C-alpha atoms as a PDB file:
ATOM      1  CA  MET A   1      11.476  16.328  13.922  1.00  0.00           C
ATOM      2  CA  LYS A   2      12.745  16.278  10.335  1.00  0.00           C
ATOM      3  CA  ILE A   3      11.037  13.812   7.995  1.00  0.00           C
ATOM      4  CA  LEU A   4      12.332  12.716   4.583  1.00  0.00           C
ATOM      5  CA  LEU A   5       9.535  11.331   2.398  1.00  0.00           C
ATOM      6  CA  PHE A   6      10.198   9.381  -0.804  1.00  0.00           C
ATOM      7  CA  GLY A   7       7.426   8.738  -3.351  1.00  0.00           C
ATOM      8  CA  LYS A   8       5.445  11.918  -2.739  1.00  0.00           C
ATOM      9  CA  ASN A   9       3.439  11.649  -5.983  1.00  0.00           C
ATOM     10  CA  GLY A  10       2.030   8.160  -5.462  1.00  0.00           C
ATOM     11  CA  GLN A  11      -1.370   7.560  -3.897  1.00  0.00           C
ATOM     12  CA  VAL A  12       0.009   6.970  -0.407  1.00  0.00           C
ATOM     13  CA  GLY A  13       2.805   9.524  -0.784  1.00  0.00           C
ATOM     14  CA  TRP A  14       0.340  12.223  -1.765  1.00  0.00           C
ATOM     15  CA  GLU A  15      -1.698  11.662   1.400  1.00  0.00           C
ATOM     16  CA  LEU A  16       1.447  11.407   3.527  1.00  0.00           C
ATOM     17  CA  GLN A  17       2.393  14.949   2.557  1.00  0.00           C
ATOM     18  CA  ARG A  18      -0.772  16.039   4.367  1.00  0.00           C
ATOM     19  CA  SER A  19      -0.631  13.709   7.378  1.00  0.00           C
ATOM     20  CA  LEU A  20       3.083  14.107   8.146  1.00  0.00           C
ATOM     21  CA  ALA A  21       3.241  17.908   7.809  1.00  0.00           C
ATOM     22  CA  PRO A  22       2.069  18.631  11.394  1.00  0.00           C
ATOM     23  CA  LEU A  23       4.793  16.392  12.854  1.00  0.00           C
ATOM     24  CA  GLY A  24       7.719  18.629  11.876  1.00  0.00           C
ATOM     25  CA  GLU A  25       9.819  19.730   8.917  1.00  0.00           C
ATOM     26  CA  LEU A  26       8.896  17.648   5.873  1.00  0.00           C
ATOM     27  CA  VAL A  27      11.195  17.145   2.873  1.00  0.00           C
ATOM     28  CA  ALA A  28       9.052  15.407   0.229  1.00  0.00           C
ATOM     29  CA  LEU A  29      10.664  13.965  -2.902  1.00  0.00           C
ATOM     30  CA  GLY A  30       9.302  12.454  -6.106  1.00  0.00           C
ATOM     31  CA  SER A  31      11.249  10.200  -8.449  1.00  0.00           C
ATOM     32  CA  ARG A  32      12.885  13.053 -10.350  1.00  0.00           C
ATOM     33  CA  GLU A  33      14.173  15.888  -8.210  1.00  0.00           C
ATOM     34  CA  ALA A  34      16.628  18.504  -9.470  1.00  0.00           C
ATOM     35  CA  ASP A  35      18.563  18.904  -6.224  1.00  0.00           C
ATOM     36  CA  LEU A  36      18.460  15.574  -4.393  1.00  0.00           C
ATOM     37  CA  PRO A  37      18.865  12.049  -5.872  1.00  0.00           C
ATOM     38  CA  SER A  38      15.549  10.246  -5.445  1.00  0.00           C
ATOM     39  CA  ASN A  39      15.276   7.808  -8.362  1.00  0.00           C
ATOM     40  CA  PHE A  40      14.914   4.298  -6.936  1.00  0.00           C
ATOM     41  CA  LEU A  41      16.260   2.855 -10.195  1.00  0.00           C
ATOM     42  CA  GLU A  42      19.570   4.383  -9.065  1.00  0.00           C
ATOM     43  CA  PRO A  43      19.518   3.154  -5.459  1.00  0.00           C
ATOM     44  CA  ASP A  44      23.209   3.771  -4.717  1.00  0.00           C
ATOM     45  CA  ARG A  45      22.609   7.524  -4.870  1.00  0.00           C
ATOM     46  CA  LEU A  46      19.852   7.495  -2.241  1.00  0.00           C
ATOM     47  CA  ALA A  47      22.354   7.348   0.611  1.00  0.00           C
ATOM     48  CA  GLU A  48      23.738  10.675  -0.578  1.00  0.00           C
ATOM     49  CA  THR A  49      20.297  12.253  -0.181  1.00  0.00           C
ATOM     50  CA  VAL A  50      19.936  10.879   3.353  1.00  0.00           C
ATOM     51  CA  ARG A  51      23.368  12.222   4.319  1.00  0.00           C
ATOM     52  CA  ARG A  52      22.533  15.670   2.942  1.00  0.00           C
ATOM     53  CA  VAL A  53      19.069  15.949   4.511  1.00  0.00           C
ATOM     54  CA  ARG A  54      20.025  14.300   7.834  1.00  0.00           C
ATOM     55  CA  PRO A  55      16.439  13.356   8.739  1.00  0.00           C
ATOM     56  CA  ASP A  56      15.162  11.989  12.019  1.00  0.00           C
ATOM     57  CA  VAL A  57      12.716   9.801  10.095  1.00  0.00           C
ATOM     58  CA  ILE A  58      12.646   8.390   6.549  1.00  0.00           C
ATOM     59  CA  VAL A  59       9.254   7.396   5.115  1.00  0.00           C
ATOM     60  CA  ASN A  60       9.412   5.303   1.957  1.00  0.00           C
ATOM     61  CA  ALA A  61       6.207   5.407  -0.069  1.00  0.00           C
ATOM     62  CA  ALA A  62       7.971   4.613  -3.368  1.00  0.00           C
ATOM     63  CA  ALA A  63       7.421   1.190  -4.923  1.00  0.00           C
ATOM     64  CA  TYR A  64       7.309  -0.750  -8.177  1.00  0.00           C
ATOM     65  CA  THR A  65       3.629  -1.765  -8.211  1.00  0.00           C
ATOM     66  CA  ALA A  66       3.080  -2.944 -11.808  1.00  0.00           C
ATOM     67  CA  VAL A  67       2.455  -6.531 -10.709  1.00  0.00           C
ATOM     68  CA  ASP A  68       2.136  -8.097 -14.165  1.00  0.00           C
ATOM     69  CA  LYS A  69       4.941  -6.068 -15.741  1.00  0.00           C
ATOM     70  CA  ALA A  70       7.284  -7.154 -12.949  1.00  0.00           C
ATOM     71  CA  GLU A  71       7.176 -10.700 -14.324  1.00  0.00           C
ATOM     72  CA  THR A  72       9.248  -9.560 -17.313  1.00  0.00           C
ATOM     73  CA  ASP A  73      10.955  -6.571 -15.694  1.00  0.00           C
ATOM     74  CA  GLN A  74      12.339  -8.247 -12.609  1.00  0.00           C
ATOM     75  CA  HIS A  75      15.488  -6.097 -12.625  1.00  0.00           C
ATOM     76  CA  SER A  76      13.568  -2.842 -12.141  1.00  0.00           C
ATOM     77  CA  ALA A  77      11.226  -4.368  -9.558  1.00  0.00           C
ATOM     78  CA  GLN A  78      14.248  -5.676  -7.653  1.00  0.00           C
ATOM     79  CA  LEU A  79      15.976  -2.288  -7.649  1.00  0.00           C
ATOM     80  CA  VAL A  80      12.910  -0.357  -6.481  1.00  0.00           C
ATOM     81  CA  ASN A  81      11.320  -2.831  -4.072  1.00  0.00           C
ATOM     82  CA  ALA A  82      14.393  -4.497  -2.561  1.00  0.00           C
ATOM     83  CA  VAL A  83      17.759  -2.883  -3.279  1.00  0.00           C
ATOM     84  CA  ALA A  84      16.638   0.725  -2.687  1.00  0.00           C
ATOM     85  CA  PRO A  85      14.892  -0.002   0.647  1.00  0.00           C
ATOM     86  CA  GLY A  86      18.036  -1.853   1.722  1.00  0.00           C
ATOM     87  CA  VAL A  87      20.151   1.218   0.907  1.00  0.00           C
ATOM     88  CA  LEU A  88      17.733   3.438   2.836  1.00  0.00           C
ATOM     89  CA  ALA A  89      17.878   1.072   5.817  1.00  0.00           C
ATOM     90  CA  GLN A  90      21.648   1.264   5.987  1.00  0.00           C
ATOM     91  CA  ALA A  91      21.625   5.046   5.508  1.00  0.00           C
ATOM     92  CA  ALA A  92      18.950   5.449   8.199  1.00  0.00           C
ATOM     93  CA  ASN A  93      20.908   3.351  10.645  1.00  0.00           C
ATOM     94  CA  ALA A  94      24.081   5.319   9.926  1.00  0.00           C
ATOM     95  CA  CYS A  95      22.475   8.660  10.799  1.00  0.00           C
ATOM     96  CA  GLY A  96      20.267   7.380  13.615  1.00  0.00           C
ATOM     97  CA  ALA A  97      16.982   7.816  11.741  1.00  0.00           C
ATOM     98  CA  ALA A  98      13.880   5.662  11.938  1.00  0.00           C
ATOM     99  CA  LEU A  99      12.554   4.125   8.697  1.00  0.00           C
ATOM    100  CA  VAL A 100       8.899   3.615   7.741  1.00  0.00           C
ATOM    101  CA  HIS A 101       8.233   1.309   4.781  1.00  0.00           C
ATOM    102  CA  TYR A 102       5.138  -0.203   3.152  1.00  0.00           C
ATOM    103  CA  SER A 103       4.786  -3.809   2.063  1.00  0.00           C
ATOM    104  CA  THR A 104       2.021  -6.071   0.834  1.00  0.00           C
ATOM    105  CA  ASP A 105      -0.173  -9.102   1.450  1.00  0.00           C
ATOM    106  CA  TYR A 106       1.421 -10.509  -1.736  1.00  0.00           C
ATOM    107  CA  VAL A 107       4.282 -11.847   0.403  1.00  0.00           C
ATOM    108  CA  PHE A 108       1.864 -14.696   1.266  1.00  0.00           C
ATOM    109  CA  ASP A 109       0.624 -17.474  -1.026  1.00  0.00           C
ATOM    110  CA  GLY A 110      -3.055 -16.675  -0.470  1.00  0.00           C
ATOM    111  CA  SER A 111      -4.016 -20.132   0.735  1.00  0.00           C
ATOM    112  CA  GLY A 112      -6.729 -20.779   3.311  1.00  0.00           C
ATOM    113  CA  ALA A 113      -9.422 -18.371   4.459  1.00  0.00           C
ATOM    114  CA  ALA A 114      -8.108 -17.052   7.783  1.00  0.00           C
ATOM    115  CA  PRO A 115      -6.553 -13.579   8.144  1.00  0.00           C
ATOM    116  CA  ARG A 116      -2.749 -13.796   8.194  1.00  0.00           C
ATOM    117  CA  ILE A 117      -0.728 -12.694  11.221  1.00  0.00           C
ATOM    118  CA  GLU A 118       2.729 -11.164  10.936  1.00  0.00           C
ATOM    119  CA  THR A 119       4.658 -14.280  11.942  1.00  0.00           C
ATOM    120  CA  GLU A 120       3.093 -16.689   9.458  1.00  0.00           C
ATOM    121  CA  PRO A 121       5.339 -18.229   6.789  1.00  0.00           C
ATOM    122  CA  THR A 122       5.689 -16.231   3.577  1.00  0.00           C
ATOM    123  CA  ALA A 123       5.570 -17.718   0.070  1.00  0.00           C
ATOM    124  CA  PRO A 124       5.040 -15.121  -2.690  1.00  0.00           C
ATOM    125  CA  LEU A 125       3.351 -16.226  -5.907  1.00  0.00           C
ATOM    126  CA  ASN A 126       4.901 -13.583  -8.169  1.00  0.00           C
ATOM    127  CA  VAL A 127       7.953 -11.388  -8.743  1.00  0.00           C
ATOM    128  CA  TYR A 128       6.302  -8.364  -7.148  1.00  0.00           C
ATOM    129  CA  GLY A 129       5.703 -10.265  -3.911  1.00  0.00           C
ATOM    130  CA  LEU A 130       9.219 -11.736  -3.958  1.00  0.00           C
ATOM    131  CA  THR A 131      10.866  -8.333  -4.322  1.00  0.00           C
ATOM    132  CA  LYS A 132       8.685  -6.756  -1.638  1.00  0.00           C
ATOM    133  CA  LEU A 133       9.564  -9.585   0.741  1.00  0.00           C
ATOM    134  CA  GLU A 134      13.282  -9.104   0.060  1.00  0.00           C
ATOM    135  CA  GLY A 135      12.868  -5.392   0.804  1.00  0.00           C
ATOM    136  CA  GLU A 136      11.312  -6.272   4.175  1.00  0.00           C
ATOM    137  CA  ARG A 137      14.199  -8.567   5.067  1.00  0.00           C
ATOM    138  CA  LEU A 138      16.884  -6.042   4.108  1.00  0.00           C
ATOM    139  CA  ILE A 139      15.242  -3.385   6.277  1.00  0.00           C
ATOM    140  CA  GLN A 140      14.980  -5.777   9.216  1.00  0.00           C
ATOM    141  CA  GLN A 141      18.638  -6.702   8.732  1.00  0.00           C
ATOM    142  CA  HIS A 142      20.084  -3.198   8.446  1.00  0.00           C
ATOM    143  CA  CYS A 143      17.838  -0.801  10.408  1.00  0.00           C
ATOM    144  CA  GLU A 144      16.959  -1.328  14.053  1.00  0.00           C
ATOM    145  CA  ARG A 145      14.274   1.393  14.320  1.00  0.00           C
ATOM    146  CA  HIS A 146      11.827   0.539  11.555  1.00  0.00           C
ATOM    147  CA  LEU A 147       8.124   0.236  10.902  1.00  0.00           C
ATOM    148  CA  ILE A 148       7.161  -2.117   8.074  1.00  0.00           C
ATOM    149  CA  LEU A 149       3.441  -1.833   7.340  1.00  0.00           C
ATOM    150  CA  ARG A 150       1.961  -4.605   5.203  1.00  0.00           C
ATOM    151  CA  THR A 151      -1.306  -3.598   3.595  1.00  0.00           C
ATOM    152  CA  SER A 152      -3.698  -4.654   0.823  1.00  0.00           C
ATOM    153  CA  TRP A 153      -5.843  -3.362  -2.053  1.00  0.00           C
ATOM    154  CA  VAL A 154      -4.750   0.267  -1.711  1.00  0.00           C
ATOM    155  CA  TYR A 155      -6.799   2.951  -3.472  1.00  0.00           C
ATOM    156  CA  GLY A 156      -6.897   6.731  -3.516  1.00  0.00           C
ATOM    157  CA  ALA A 157      -9.210   9.407  -4.853  1.00  0.00           C
ATOM    158  CA  ARG A 158      -6.255  10.818  -6.786  1.00  0.00           C
ATOM    159  CA  GLY A 159      -5.287   8.903  -9.916  1.00  0.00           C
ATOM    160  CA  GLY A 160      -6.774   5.689 -11.240  1.00  0.00           C
ATOM    161  CA  ASN A 161      -8.360   3.035  -9.059  1.00  0.00           C
ATOM    162  CA  PHE A 162     -10.668   0.007  -9.209  1.00  0.00           C
ATOM    163  CA  ALA A 163     -13.782   1.994  -8.293  1.00  0.00           C
ATOM    164  CA  LYS A 164     -13.253   4.502 -11.102  1.00  0.00           C
ATOM    165  CA  THR A 165     -12.738   1.665 -13.566  1.00  0.00           C
ATOM    166  CA  MET A 166     -15.963  -0.045 -12.463  1.00  0.00           C
ATOM    167  CA  LEU A 167     -17.946   3.194 -12.778  1.00  0.00           C
ATOM    168  CA  ARG A 168     -16.582   3.836 -16.267  1.00  0.00           C
ATOM    169  CA  LEU A 169     -17.404   0.295 -17.401  1.00  0.00           C
ATOM    170  CA  ALA A 170     -20.871   0.438 -15.815  1.00  0.00           C
ATOM    171  CA  LYS A 171     -21.629   3.510 -17.918  1.00  0.00           C
ATOM    172  CA  GLU A 172     -20.417   1.800 -21.117  1.00  0.00           C
ATOM    173  CA  ARG A 173     -21.695  -1.764 -20.742  1.00  0.00           C
ATOM    174  CA  ASP A 174     -24.936  -3.545 -19.922  1.00  0.00           C
ATOM    175  CA  ARG A 175     -23.201  -6.290 -17.939  1.00  0.00           C
ATOM    176  CA  LEU A 176     -19.956  -6.644 -15.978  1.00  0.00           C
ATOM    177  CA  THR A 177     -18.025  -9.722 -14.874  1.00  0.00           C
ATOM    178  CA  VAL A 178     -15.797  -9.377 -11.797  1.00  0.00           C
ATOM    179  CA  VAL A 179     -13.596 -11.870  -9.962  1.00  0.00           C
ATOM    180  CA  ASP A 180     -15.180 -13.275  -6.797  1.00  0.00           C
ATOM    181  CA  ASP A 181     -12.537 -15.733  -5.518  1.00  0.00           C
ATOM    182  CA  GLN A 182      -9.986 -13.173  -4.307  1.00  0.00           C
ATOM    183  CA  VAL A 183     -10.836 -11.724  -0.897  1.00  0.00           C
ATOM    184  CA  GLY A 184      -9.277  -8.791   0.956  1.00  0.00           C
ATOM    185  CA  ALA A 185      -9.963  -5.333   2.383  1.00  0.00           C
ATOM    186  CA  PRO A 186      -9.889  -2.216   0.175  1.00  0.00           C
ATOM    187  CA  THR A 187      -7.681   0.209   2.106  1.00  0.00           C
ATOM    188  CA  GLY A 188      -7.632   3.946   1.506  1.00  0.00           C
ATOM    189  CA  ALA A 189      -4.345   5.772   0.995  1.00  0.00           C
ATOM    190  CA  ASP A 190      -5.710   8.463   3.322  1.00  0.00           C
ATOM    191  CA  LEU A 191      -6.278   5.924   6.093  1.00  0.00           C
ATOM    192  CA  LEU A 192      -2.766   4.518   5.651  1.00  0.00           C
ATOM    193  CA  ALA A 193      -1.261   7.994   5.782  1.00  0.00           C
ATOM    194  CA  ASP A 194      -3.184   8.966   8.917  1.00  0.00           C
ATOM    195  CA  VAL A 195      -2.342   5.833  10.901  1.00  0.00           C
ATOM    196  CA  THR A 196       1.284   6.154   9.759  1.00  0.00           C
ATOM    197  CA  ALA A 197       1.496   9.590  11.377  1.00  0.00           C
ATOM    198  CA  HIS A 198       0.058   8.261  14.647  1.00  0.00           C
ATOM    199  CA  ALA A 199       2.336   5.204  14.629  1.00  0.00           C
ATOM    200  CA  LEU A 200       5.369   7.316  13.800  1.00  0.00           C
ATOM    201  CA  ARG A 201       4.801   9.589  16.789  1.00  0.00           C
ATOM    202  CA  ALA A 202       4.498   6.523  18.993  1.00  0.00           C
ATOM    203  CA  LEU A 203       7.698   5.019  17.570  1.00  0.00           C
ATOM    204  CA  VAL A 204       9.670   8.207  18.213  1.00  0.00           C
ATOM    205  CA  ALA A 205       8.455   8.193  21.823  1.00  0.00           C
ATOM    206  CA  ASP A 206       8.988   4.445  22.313  1.00  0.00           C
ATOM    207  CA  GLY A 207      11.515   2.626  20.136  1.00  0.00           C
ATOM    208  CA  GLY A 208      10.160  -0.663  21.450  1.00  0.00           C
ATOM    209  CA  LYS A 209       7.215  -0.297  19.075  1.00  0.00           C
ATOM    210  CA  ALA A 210       9.485  -0.882  16.050  1.00  0.00           C
ATOM    211  CA  GLY A 211       8.709  -3.895  13.902  1.00  0.00           C
ATOM    212  CA  LEU A 212       6.448  -5.443  11.268  1.00  0.00           C
ATOM    213  CA  TYR A 213       2.700  -4.835  11.349  1.00  0.00           C
ATOM    214  CA  HIS A 214      -0.370  -5.588   9.261  1.00  0.00           C
ATOM    215  CA  VAL A 215      -2.508  -2.537   8.459  1.00  0.00           C
ATOM    216  CA  ALA A 216      -5.724  -2.669   6.430  1.00  0.00           C
ATOM    217  CA  ALA A 217      -9.270  -1.412   6.654  1.00  0.00           C
ATOM    218  CA  GLY A 218     -11.734  -3.473   8.673  1.00  0.00           C
ATOM    219  CA  GLY A 219     -13.851  -6.245   7.212  1.00  0.00           C
ATOM    220  CA  GLU A 220     -13.431  -8.136   3.975  1.00  0.00           C
ATOM    221  CA  THR A 221     -14.914  -8.483   0.502  1.00  0.00           C
ATOM    222  CA  SER A 222     -14.192  -9.925  -2.922  1.00  0.00           C
ATOM    223  CA  TRP A 223     -13.513  -7.804  -5.996  1.00  0.00           C
ATOM    224  CA  HIS A 224     -17.071  -8.713  -7.021  1.00  0.00           C
ATOM    225  CA  GLY A 225     -18.471  -7.471  -3.708  1.00  0.00           C
ATOM    226  CA  TYR A 226     -16.339  -4.353  -3.986  1.00  0.00           C
ATOM    227  CA  ALA A 227     -17.715  -3.624  -7.474  1.00  0.00           C
ATOM    228  CA  ARG A 228     -21.312  -4.108  -6.343  1.00  0.00           C
ATOM    229  CA  PHE A 229     -20.798  -1.734  -3.435  1.00  0.00           C
ATOM    230  CA  VAL A 230     -19.281   0.910  -5.722  1.00  0.00           C
ATOM    231  CA  ILE A 231     -22.130   0.687  -8.236  1.00  0.00           C
ATOM    232  CA  ALA A 232     -24.850   0.655  -5.568  1.00  0.00           C
ATOM    233  CA  THR A 233     -23.323   3.723  -3.894  1.00  0.00           C
ATOM    234  CA  ALA A 234     -23.054   5.542  -7.223  1.00  0.00           C
ATOM    235  CA  GLN A 235     -26.685   4.806  -8.082  1.00  0.00           C
ATOM    236  CA  GLN A 236     -27.828   6.066  -4.681  1.00  0.00           C
ATOM    237  CA  ALA A 237     -25.913   9.268  -5.452  1.00  0.00           C
ATOM    238  CA  GLY A 238     -27.919   9.710  -8.656  1.00  0.00           C
ATOM    239  CA  GLN A 239     -25.423   8.365 -11.190  1.00  0.00           C
ATOM    240  CA  VAL A 240     -27.015   6.958 -14.353  1.00  0.00           C
ATOM    241  CA  LEU A 241     -25.410   3.604 -15.187  1.00  0.00           C
ATOM    242  CA  LYS A 242     -26.160   1.057 -17.921  1.00  0.00           C
ATOM    243  CA  ALA A 243     -25.072  -1.813 -15.640  1.00  0.00           C
ATOM    244  CA  GLY A 244     -26.714  -1.803 -12.228  1.00  0.00           C
ATOM    245  CA  VAL A 245     -25.869  -3.956  -9.227  1.00  0.00           C
ATOM    246  CA  GLU A 246     -27.736  -7.008 -10.525  1.00  0.00           C
ATOM    247  CA  ALA A 247     -25.786  -6.845 -13.788  1.00  0.00           C
ATOM    248  CA  VAL A 248     -22.454  -7.484 -12.024  1.00  0.00           C
ATOM    249  CA  ALA A 249     -21.753 -11.202 -12.439  1.00  0.00           C
ATOM    250  CA  PRO A 250     -19.209 -13.171 -10.353  1.00  0.00           C
ATOM    251  CA  VAL A 251     -16.489 -15.138 -12.170  1.00  0.00           C
ATOM    252  CA  PRO A 252     -13.395 -17.060 -11.037  1.00  0.00           C
ATOM    253  CA  SER A 253      -9.863 -15.693 -11.441  1.00  0.00           C
ATOM    254  CA  THR A 254      -9.340 -18.107 -14.322  1.00  0.00           C
ATOM    255  CA  ALA A 255     -11.729 -15.971 -16.384  1.00  0.00           C
ATOM    256  CA  PHE A 256      -9.083 -13.243 -16.476  1.00  0.00           C
ATOM    257  CA  PRO A 257      -5.652 -14.869 -16.969  1.00  0.00           C
ATOM    258  CA  THR A 258      -2.764 -12.583 -15.984  1.00  0.00           C
ATOM    259  CA  PRO A 259       1.032 -12.953 -16.243  1.00  0.00           C
ATOM    260  CA  ALA A 260       1.351 -12.775 -12.443  1.00  0.00           C
ATOM    261  CA  ARG A 261      -0.593 -15.073 -10.119  1.00  0.00           C
ATOM    262  CA  ARG A 262      -2.672 -13.299  -7.455  1.00  0.00           C
ATOM    263  CA  PRO A 263      -3.356 -14.663  -3.968  1.00  0.00           C
ATOM    264  CA  HIS A 264      -6.941 -15.736  -3.318  1.00  0.00           C
ATOM    265  CA  ASN A 265      -6.730 -14.865   0.376  1.00  0.00           C
ATOM    266  CA  SER A 266      -5.513 -11.305   1.017  1.00  0.00           C
ATOM    267  CA  ARG A 267      -6.989 -11.082   4.518  1.00  0.00           C
ATOM    268  CA  LEU A 268      -4.612  -9.510   7.065  1.00  0.00           C
ATOM    269  CA  ASP A 269      -5.026  -9.767  10.843  1.00  0.00           C
ATOM    270  CA  THR A 270      -4.462  -6.211  12.137  1.00  0.00           C
ATOM    271  CA  SER A 271      -4.925  -6.900  15.854  1.00  0.00           C
ATOM    272  CA  ARG A 272      -1.214  -6.469  16.674  1.00  0.00           C
ATOM    273  CA  PHE A 273      -1.105  -3.016  15.080  1.00  0.00           C
ATOM    274  CA  ARG A 274      -4.347  -1.859  16.680  1.00  0.00           C
ATOM    275  CA  ALA A 275      -3.189  -2.974  20.118  1.00  0.00           C
ATOM    276  CA  ALA A 276       0.338  -1.570  19.831  1.00  0.00           C
ATOM    277  CA  PHE A 277      -0.778   1.889  18.732  1.00  0.00           C
ATOM    278  CA  ASP A 278      -4.267   2.046  20.272  1.00  0.00           C
ATOM    279  CA  LEU A 279      -5.885   2.787  16.922  1.00  0.00           C
ATOM    280  CA  THR A 280      -9.115   1.801  15.190  1.00  0.00           C
ATOM    281  CA  LEU A 281      -9.178   0.662  11.563  1.00  0.00           C
ATOM    282  CA  PRO A 282     -12.704   1.460  10.266  1.00  0.00           C
ATOM    283  CA  PRO A 283     -14.689  -0.797   7.914  1.00  0.00           C
ATOM    284  CA  TRP A 284     -13.590  -0.729   4.276  1.00  0.00           C
ATOM    285  CA  GLN A 285     -17.046   0.474   3.217  1.00  0.00           C
ATOM    286  CA  GLN A 286     -16.589   3.717   5.140  1.00  0.00           C
ATOM    287  CA  GLY A 287     -13.447   4.706   3.259  1.00  0.00           C
ATOM    288  CA  VAL A 288     -14.727   3.641  -0.158  1.00  0.00           C
ATOM    289  CA  ALA A 289     -18.001   5.549   0.344  1.00  0.00           C
ATOM    290  CA  ARG A 290     -16.073   8.684   1.285  1.00  0.00           C
ATOM    291  CA  MET A 291     -13.801   8.333  -1.737  1.00  0.00           C
ATOM    292  CA  LEU A 292     -16.815   7.881  -4.020  1.00  0.00           C
ATOM    293  CA  GLU A 293     -18.478  10.965  -2.581  1.00  0.00           C
ATOM    294  CA  GLU A 294     -15.345  12.915  -3.425  1.00  0.00           C
ATOM    295  CA  ILE A 295     -14.914  11.692  -7.003  1.00  0.00           C
ATOM    296  CA  LEU A 296     -18.629  11.785  -7.846  1.00  0.00           C
END
């Protein structure tokens, strides 16, 4: 099996290089490659890369994820999150390849408190969510064999993440305030990469498993609960912090106004994915604790 991976340097793309390697020949591309067009801001050239590589599977881990910046840079977000995936879908279909793509809980409006299933109505609150939703629809329209994996609150040990920010602030400040009215499941890039490899093998064996799925770590928490867990784990590991767990105060989203509105409910029901691929999605605490052990 020949796999063409886009977005190799992102958090998920970095882990995918590891998890996909045992499945076959892997061609991994970043945004600026000397030999093969891979810049999603020039989506028309991506089809050329697919024709030259002739993969059996395309995995798209590239995305425009600057949620607030997208409000004023809609053109770039549209190219990367919608137009480019649409081009890849058509190119995949033309050469008989399967396409794996990642989407987001931000396609929903965040109302209610129940975990969302795949068939519930979408209503994005911001440009990022709108462009990701359009990317989903273009893939569904143009590529029969696809896996679209919606996820939430992705983090990785490599690069910046929420946990690292909280630890830095806890060392600098006596008190922290963190939003407590947005709820979801922190999901590790390593977990996403590993379940992608398993799901991809299943898709190649059974094309009937194609479709849209929700994938996130088990359980739920708020950003406030997430911060408290990070700080408590760091203290147990012997880290000296100015702000301990009791110094992390909950505040509403209105305390931190942002250009883009965020959904309050980012819960995703993953039962369809777990049943289809016979996989377990471990509790979010397990992945975050492992990531903290690595960075600490």
